Amino acid sequence: MSYFVYLIITKNKKNLLTSYVGYTNNLKKRLNLHNNSKGAKFTKGRFWKLAYSKRYESKNIALKEEYKLKVNYKLRNEIKKKFKKNENICTSSI
C-alpha cells in the first residue's frame, strides 16, 4: 500500500497563505475531508488546495517524512512561494 505526505494551503483572513501538513493512503479522499470540515480540527471551515504531495511505499517512512516537513518551515515557505507563483500565473492567464 502507498502512503502520501502532503501539504495543503489556504488563504487566511489577512490574505496570507496558511499551510497544513499530513499523511494519508488516499489523497483525494483526505483533501475532500479537509474541505468538508471533517478533517483535522485546524483545517475546519476553510477551502484547501493541494500544493505538494509525495508518495512512499511504507507508512513508517511516510510518517518520518511528514514530521520532517512539519518542522522544516524553510521548505514549507518555499513550497508556498512556488504555489503562490503558479497560482498567479494560472489566474493571470484567464
N, C-alpha and C. Protein backbone atom coordinates (compact mmCIF):
# COMPACT_ATOMS: atom_id res chain seq x y z
N MET A 1 0.84 -1.18 0.00
CA MET A 1 0.00 0.00 0.00
C MET A 1 0.88 1.25 0.00
N SER A 2 0.46 2.24 -0.73
CA SER A 2 1.20 3.50 -0.81
C SER A 2 0.65 4.52 0.18
N TYR A 3 1.52 5.37 0.65
CA TYR A 3 1.16 6.46 1.55
C TYR A 3 1.69 7.76 0.96
N PHE A 4 0.99 8.84 1.24
CA PHE A 4 1.36 10.14 0.72
C PHE A 4 1.59 11.12 1.85
N VAL A 5 2.62 11.92 1.73
CA VAL A 5 2.82 13.09 2.58
C VAL A 5 2.38 14.27 1.74
N TYR A 6 1.57 15.14 2.33
CA TYR A 6 1.02 16.25 1.54
C TYR A 6 1.07 17.55 2.32
N LEU A 7 1.03 18.63 1.56
CA LEU A 7 0.95 19.98 2.13
C LEU A 7 -0.20 20.67 1.42
N ILE A 8 -1.15 21.15 2.19
CA ILE A 8 -2.28 21.88 1.63
C ILE A 8 -2.21 23.33 2.08
N ILE A 9 -2.79 24.20 1.27
CA ILE A 9 -2.68 25.64 1.51
C ILE A 9 -4.05 26.30 1.39
N THR A 10 -4.25 27.31 2.23
CA THR A 10 -5.44 28.16 2.15
C THR A 10 -5.02 29.59 2.45
N LYS A 11 -5.89 30.53 2.13
CA LYS A 11 -5.64 31.93 2.48
C LYS A 11 -6.38 32.24 3.77
N ASN A 12 -5.72 32.96 4.68
CA ASN A 12 -6.36 33.34 5.93
C ASN A 12 -7.05 34.69 5.77
N LYS A 13 -7.57 35.23 6.87
CA LYS A 13 -8.33 36.48 6.82
C LYS A 13 -7.51 37.66 6.31
N LYS A 14 -6.20 37.62 6.52
CA LYS A 14 -5.32 38.70 6.07
C LYS A 14 -4.77 38.43 4.67
N ASN A 15 -5.34 37.46 3.99
CA ASN A 15 -4.95 37.07 2.62
C ASN A 15 -3.54 36.50 2.56
N LEU A 16 -3.04 35.98 3.68
CA LEU A 16 -1.75 35.30 3.72
C LEU A 16 -1.98 33.80 3.59
N LEU A 17 -0.98 33.08 3.10
CA LEU A 17 -1.12 31.64 2.94
C LEU A 17 -0.84 30.92 4.25
N THR A 18 -1.71 29.98 4.59
CA THR A 18 -1.56 29.11 5.75
C THR A 18 -1.45 27.69 5.23
N SER A 19 -0.54 26.92 5.83
CA SER A 19 -0.34 25.56 5.34
C SER A 19 -0.61 24.53 6.43
N TYR A 20 -0.89 23.32 5.97
CA TYR A 20 -1.11 22.17 6.85
C TYR A 20 -0.42 20.97 6.22
N VAL A 21 0.29 20.19 7.02
CA VAL A 21 1.00 19.00 6.54
C VAL A 21 0.36 17.77 7.16
N GLY A 22 0.20 16.73 6.35
CA GLY A 22 -0.35 15.48 6.84
C GLY A 22 0.10 14.31 6.01
N TYR A 23 -0.40 13.12 6.36
CA TYR A 23 -0.12 11.93 5.56
C TYR A 23 -1.41 11.14 5.42
N THR A 24 -1.51 10.35 4.37
CA THR A 24 -2.71 9.56 4.12
C THR A 24 -2.40 8.45 3.14
N ASN A 25 -3.30 7.49 3.02
CA ASN A 25 -3.16 6.47 1.99
C ASN A 25 -4.13 6.73 0.83
N ASN A 26 -5.00 7.76 0.97
CA ASN A 26 -5.93 8.14 -0.08
C ASN A 26 -5.99 9.66 -0.15
N LEU A 27 -5.20 10.22 -1.02
CA LEU A 27 -5.01 11.68 -1.09
C LEU A 27 -6.29 12.42 -1.47
N LYS A 28 -7.00 11.93 -2.47
CA LYS A 28 -8.22 12.59 -2.94
C LYS A 28 -9.28 12.62 -1.83
N LYS A 29 -9.47 11.49 -1.16
CA LYS A 29 -10.46 11.40 -0.08
C LYS A 29 -10.08 12.32 1.08
N ARG A 30 -8.80 12.35 1.41
CA ARG A 30 -8.34 13.17 2.53
C ARG A 30 -8.54 14.66 2.26
N LEU A 31 -8.26 15.11 1.04
CA LEU A 31 -8.47 16.51 0.68
C LEU A 31 -9.96 16.86 0.76
N ASN A 32 -10.81 15.95 0.30
CA ASN A 32 -12.25 16.18 0.41
C ASN A 32 -12.69 16.29 1.87
N LEU A 33 -12.13 15.46 2.74
CA LEU A 33 -12.46 15.55 4.17
C LEU A 33 -12.06 16.91 4.74
N HIS A 34 -10.86 17.37 4.39
CA HIS A 34 -10.42 18.69 4.87
C HIS A 34 -11.37 19.79 4.38
N ASN A 35 -11.76 19.73 3.13
CA ASN A 35 -12.61 20.78 2.56
C ASN A 35 -14.06 20.69 3.00
N ASN A 36 -14.47 19.54 3.55
CA ASN A 36 -15.83 19.39 4.06
C ASN A 36 -15.88 19.46 5.59
N SER A 37 -14.83 20.03 6.19
CA SER A 37 -14.71 20.23 7.64
C SER A 37 -14.80 18.93 8.43
N LYS A 38 -14.34 17.84 7.84
CA LYS A 38 -14.32 16.55 8.53
C LYS A 38 -12.90 16.04 8.69
N GLY A 39 -11.93 16.87 8.38
CA GLY A 39 -10.52 16.51 8.52
C GLY A 39 -10.02 16.94 9.89
N ALA A 40 -8.79 17.34 9.96
CA ALA A 40 -8.19 17.79 11.22
C ALA A 40 -8.90 19.06 11.70
N LYS A 41 -8.92 19.24 13.01
CA LYS A 41 -9.60 20.40 13.61
C LYS A 41 -9.04 21.72 13.05
N PHE A 42 -7.75 21.79 12.84
CA PHE A 42 -7.10 23.00 12.33
C PHE A 42 -7.63 23.40 10.95
N THR A 43 -8.06 22.43 10.16
CA THR A 43 -8.44 22.71 8.78
C THR A 43 -9.92 23.01 8.59
N LYS A 44 -10.70 22.93 9.63
CA LYS A 44 -12.16 23.10 9.50
C LYS A 44 -12.55 24.51 9.09
N GLY A 45 -13.55 24.59 8.23
CA GLY A 45 -14.12 25.87 7.84
C GLY A 45 -13.33 26.65 6.80
N ARG A 46 -12.39 26.00 6.15
CA ARG A 46 -11.58 26.68 5.14
C ARG A 46 -11.54 25.83 3.86
N PHE A 47 -11.23 26.48 2.74
CA PHE A 47 -11.07 25.75 1.49
C PHE A 47 -9.58 25.55 1.25
N TRP A 48 -9.17 24.31 1.08
CA TRP A 48 -7.76 23.95 0.94
C TRP A 48 -7.45 23.50 -0.47
N LYS A 49 -6.22 23.82 -0.91
CA LYS A 49 -5.72 23.36 -2.21
C LYS A 49 -4.44 22.58 -1.97
N LEU A 50 -4.27 21.51 -2.74
CA LEU A 50 -3.07 20.70 -2.63
C LEU A 50 -1.90 21.43 -3.28
N ALA A 51 -0.83 21.64 -2.51
CA ALA A 51 0.34 22.34 -3.02
C ALA A 51 1.51 21.38 -3.23
N TYR A 52 1.54 20.26 -2.51
CA TYR A 52 2.66 19.34 -2.58
C TYR A 52 2.20 17.97 -2.11
N SER A 53 2.68 16.94 -2.77
CA SER A 53 2.48 15.58 -2.28
C SER A 53 3.62 14.71 -2.77
N LYS A 54 3.95 13.71 -1.99
CA LYS A 54 4.99 12.76 -2.36
C LYS A 54 4.56 11.37 -1.88
N ARG A 55 4.77 10.39 -2.73
CA ARG A 55 4.33 9.02 -2.45
C ARG A 55 5.45 8.21 -1.83
N TYR A 56 5.08 7.37 -0.84
CA TYR A 56 6.02 6.47 -0.18
C TYR A 56 5.39 5.08 -0.11
N GLU A 57 6.23 4.07 -0.17
CA GLU A 57 5.75 2.68 -0.13
C GLU A 57 5.52 2.18 1.29
N SER A 58 6.05 2.87 2.27
CA SER A 58 5.95 2.42 3.65
C SER A 58 5.31 3.50 4.53
N LYS A 59 4.41 3.09 5.40
CA LYS A 59 3.78 4.03 6.33
C LYS A 59 4.82 4.62 7.27
N ASN A 60 5.75 3.80 7.71
CA ASN A 60 6.79 4.25 8.62
C ASN A 60 7.64 5.37 8.01
N ILE A 61 8.03 5.20 6.76
CA ILE A 61 8.82 6.23 6.09
C ILE A 61 7.98 7.48 5.87
N ALA A 62 6.72 7.30 5.48
CA ALA A 62 5.83 8.45 5.26
C ALA A 62 5.68 9.27 6.54
N LEU A 63 5.52 8.60 7.68
CA LEU A 63 5.38 9.31 8.95
C LEU A 63 6.65 10.09 9.29
N LYS A 64 7.80 9.51 9.02
CA LYS A 64 9.07 10.21 9.28
C LYS A 64 9.20 11.44 8.38
N GLU A 65 8.85 11.27 7.10
CA GLU A 65 8.94 12.39 6.16
C GLU A 65 7.91 13.47 6.47
N GLU A 66 6.73 13.06 6.95
CA GLU A 66 5.72 14.04 7.36
C GLU A 66 6.27 14.91 8.48
N TYR A 67 6.89 14.29 9.47
CA TYR A 67 7.45 15.03 10.59
C TYR A 67 8.53 16.00 10.11
N LYS A 68 9.40 15.54 9.21
CA LYS A 68 10.46 16.41 8.68
C LYS A 68 9.86 17.65 8.01
N LEU A 69 8.82 17.44 7.22
CA LEU A 69 8.19 18.57 6.53
C LEU A 69 7.47 19.49 7.51
N LYS A 70 6.85 18.92 8.54
CA LYS A 70 6.15 19.74 9.53
C LYS A 70 7.09 20.70 10.25
N VAL A 71 8.29 20.25 10.55
CA VAL A 71 9.21 21.09 11.33
C VAL A 71 10.13 21.94 10.46
N ASN A 72 10.18 21.69 9.17
CA ASN A 72 11.05 22.43 8.26
C ASN A 72 10.28 23.60 7.64
N TYR A 73 10.21 24.70 8.39
CA TYR A 73 9.45 25.86 7.93
C TYR A 73 10.07 26.51 6.70
N LYS A 74 11.36 26.40 6.55
CA LYS A 74 12.02 26.98 5.38
C LYS A 74 11.50 26.28 4.11
N LEU A 75 11.46 24.95 4.12
CA LEU A 75 10.95 24.20 2.98
C LEU A 75 9.46 24.47 2.76
N ARG A 76 8.70 24.53 3.83
CA ARG A 76 7.26 24.83 3.71
C ARG A 76 7.04 26.19 3.05
N ASN A 77 7.84 27.18 3.44
CA ASN A 77 7.71 28.51 2.86
C ASN A 77 8.12 28.52 1.38
N GLU A 78 9.11 27.72 1.02
CA GLU A 78 9.49 27.60 -0.39
C GLU A 78 8.35 27.01 -1.21
N ILE A 79 7.71 25.98 -0.67
CA ILE A 79 6.57 25.35 -1.36
C ILE A 79 5.44 26.37 -1.50
N LYS A 80 5.19 27.15 -0.44
CA LYS A 80 4.13 28.16 -0.51
C LYS A 80 4.44 29.23 -1.55
N LYS A 81 5.71 29.65 -1.65
CA LYS A 81 6.10 30.65 -2.65
C LYS A 81 5.87 30.12 -4.06
N LYS A 82 6.29 28.87 -4.31
CA LYS A 82 6.10 28.27 -5.63
C LYS A 82 4.61 28.14 -5.94
N PHE A 83 3.83 27.75 -4.94
CA PHE A 83 2.39 27.60 -5.13
C PHE A 83 1.77 28.95 -5.49
N LYS A 84 2.14 29.99 -4.75
CA LYS A 84 1.59 31.33 -4.98
C LYS A 84 1.97 31.82 -6.37
N LYS A 85 3.22 31.58 -6.77
CA LYS A 85 3.69 32.00 -8.09
C LYS A 85 2.89 31.26 -9.17
N ASN A 86 2.72 29.97 -9.04
CA ASN A 86 1.95 29.19 -10.03
C ASN A 86 0.49 29.59 -10.04
N GLU A 87 -0.06 29.91 -8.88
CA GLU A 87 -1.47 30.33 -8.79
C GLU A 87 -1.65 31.66 -9.51
N ASN A 88 -0.70 32.58 -9.35
CA ASN A 88 -0.77 33.88 -10.04
C ASN A 88 -0.68 33.70 -11.55
N ILE A 89 0.14 32.78 -12.00
CA ILE A 89 0.26 32.52 -13.44
C ILE A 89 -1.07 31.99 -13.98
N CYS A 90 -1.67 31.06 -13.23
CA CYS A 90 -2.96 30.48 -13.66
C CYS A 90 -4.05 31.52 -13.69
N THR A 91 -4.15 32.37 -12.68
CA THR A 91 -5.24 33.35 -12.64
C THR A 91 -5.01 34.51 -13.61
N SER A 92 -3.75 34.84 -13.89
CA SER A 92 -3.49 35.95 -14.79
C SER A 92 -3.74 35.58 -16.25
N SER A 93 -3.74 34.30 -16.56
CA SER A 93 -3.95 33.89 -17.95
C SER A 93 -5.44 33.76 -18.30
N ILE A 94 -6.30 33.94 -17.33
CA ILE A 94 -7.75 33.81 -17.57
C ILE A 94 -8.29 35.09 -18.16
